[in-house]
């Protein structure tokens, strides 16, 4: 499945879906589940905090606002630029596609 993410696969260790977890976004429990999975994956003695989780999605309300409300970092896929221009989303956190999300991550990790 990772190969379909246009180069993002190297940054993705798991995906939590509403369908599999049984709770839909923007419920904060789904973002907390992602944090818990990441903590276990990293075998952290101290659990991660939600501020260390990055959520990428295409819905302003369910993905971006839901993640931010839960305490996560978020990127909004905004192919038309509608949300970044409207002020509903920080323009630095709006990307037109997954390729730009990949570039955002490369910059964030200093590659």
Protein backbone atom coordinates (compact mmCIF):
# COMPACT_ATOMS: atom_id res chain seq x y z
CA UNK A 1 0.00 0.00 0.00
CA UNK A 2 2.86 2.41 0.72
CA UNK A 3 3.88 2.71 -2.93
CA UNK A 4 0.69 4.63 -3.70
CA UNK A 5 1.75 7.58 -1.55
CA UNK A 6 4.04 9.25 -4.10
CA UNK A 7 7.21 9.03 -2.04
CA UNK A 8 5.57 9.46 1.35
CA UNK A 9 5.85 5.75 2.14
CA UNK A 10 9.27 6.20 3.70
CA UNK A 11 7.66 8.49 6.28
CA UNK A 12 4.56 6.34 6.99
CA UNK A 13 4.77 3.45 9.42
CA UNK A 14 1.04 2.83 9.81
CA UNK A 15 -2.37 4.24 8.94
CA UNK A 16 -5.39 4.44 11.24
CA UNK A 17 -8.67 4.48 9.34
CA UNK A 18 -12.11 5.33 10.69
CA UNK A 19 -13.43 2.14 9.15
CA UNK A 20 -10.94 -0.09 10.96
CA UNK A 21 -11.03 1.79 14.28
CA UNK A 22 -14.81 2.22 14.34
CA UNK A 23 -14.74 5.92 15.22
CA UNK A 24 -14.96 8.72 12.69
CA UNK A 25 -13.03 11.96 12.54
CA UNK A 26 -13.15 14.57 14.00
CA UNK A 27 -13.59 12.50 17.19
CA UNK A 28 -10.33 13.05 19.12
CA UNK A 29 -10.14 9.35 20.04
CA UNK A 30 -9.02 8.44 16.52
CA UNK A 31 -6.11 10.87 16.70
CA UNK A 32 -5.24 9.51 20.15
CA UNK A 33 -5.25 5.98 18.68
CA UNK A 34 -2.67 7.09 16.11
CA UNK A 35 -0.55 8.54 18.90
CA UNK A 36 -0.78 5.31 20.89
CA UNK A 37 0.21 3.21 17.86
CA UNK A 38 3.18 5.48 17.21
CA UNK A 39 4.29 5.26 20.85
CA UNK A 40 4.18 1.46 20.70
CA UNK A 41 5.97 1.38 17.37
CA UNK A 42 8.72 3.61 18.70
CA UNK A 43 8.76 1.66 21.98
CA UNK A 44 8.76 4.94 23.85
CA UNK A 45 9.12 4.71 27.61
CA UNK A 46 7.17 7.97 27.77
CA UNK A 47 4.17 8.08 25.42
CA UNK A 48 4.27 10.62 22.62
CA UNK A 49 2.10 13.64 23.03
CA UNK A 50 -0.42 14.57 20.37
CA UNK A 51 1.70 17.56 19.37
CA UNK A 52 4.18 15.09 17.89
CA UNK A 53 1.57 13.55 15.56
CA UNK A 54 1.08 14.82 12.00
CA UNK A 55 -2.28 14.15 10.36
CA UNK A 56 -2.71 14.65 6.60
CA UNK A 57 -6.21 14.80 5.15
CA UNK A 58 -8.48 16.51 2.67
CA UNK A 59 -11.40 17.65 4.83
CA UNK A 60 -11.13 21.04 6.52
CA UNK A 61 -13.50 20.07 9.33
CA UNK A 62 -12.84 16.36 9.86
CA UNK A 63 -9.13 16.23 9.07
CA UNK A 64 -7.48 19.60 9.61
CA UNK A 65 -9.70 21.13 12.32
CA UNK A 66 -10.26 17.73 13.96
CA UNK A 67 -6.54 17.03 14.22
CA UNK A 68 -5.72 20.54 15.45
CA UNK A 69 -8.55 20.37 18.02
CA UNK A 70 -7.18 17.06 19.27
CA UNK A 71 -3.73 18.67 19.67
CA UNK A 72 -2.02 17.23 16.58
CA UNK A 73 -0.13 18.94 13.82
CA UNK A 74 -2.01 18.84 10.52
CA UNK A 75 -1.64 19.29 6.79
CA UNK A 76 -4.67 19.90 4.62
CA UNK A 77 -4.71 18.64 1.05
CA UNK A 78 -6.12 21.69 -0.72
CA UNK A 79 -5.75 21.19 -4.49
CA UNK A 80 -7.69 24.33 -5.43
CA UNK A 81 -6.14 26.60 -2.77
CA UNK A 82 -9.65 27.47 -1.57
CA UNK A 83 -8.92 26.94 2.12
CA UNK A 84 -5.52 28.60 2.22
CA UNK A 85 -6.97 31.71 0.53
CA UNK A 86 -10.04 31.80 2.79
CA UNK A 87 -8.04 31.96 6.01
CA UNK A 88 -9.69 28.82 7.39
CA UNK A 89 -6.34 27.05 7.36
CA UNK A 90 -2.80 28.29 7.89
CA UNK A 91 -1.48 28.62 4.30
CA UNK A 92 1.76 26.95 5.41
CA UNK A 93 -0.28 23.88 6.36
CA UNK A 94 -2.19 23.67 3.07
CA UNK A 95 -0.66 21.61 0.28
CA UNK A 96 -2.12 21.01 -3.17
CA UNK A 97 -1.23 17.31 -3.34
CA UNK A 98 0.68 14.46 -1.73
CA UNK A 99 3.84 15.35 -3.64
CA UNK A 100 3.89 18.71 -1.86
CA UNK A 101 3.11 16.97 1.43
CA UNK A 102 6.23 14.89 0.80
CA UNK A 103 8.25 18.06 0.17
CA UNK A 104 6.86 19.52 3.42
CA UNK A 105 8.01 16.42 5.31
CA UNK A 106 11.44 16.41 3.68
CA UNK A 107 11.88 20.03 4.71
CA UNK A 108 10.60 19.31 8.23
CA UNK A 109 13.08 16.48 8.77
CA UNK A 110 15.94 18.44 7.20
CA UNK A 111 16.60 16.44 4.04
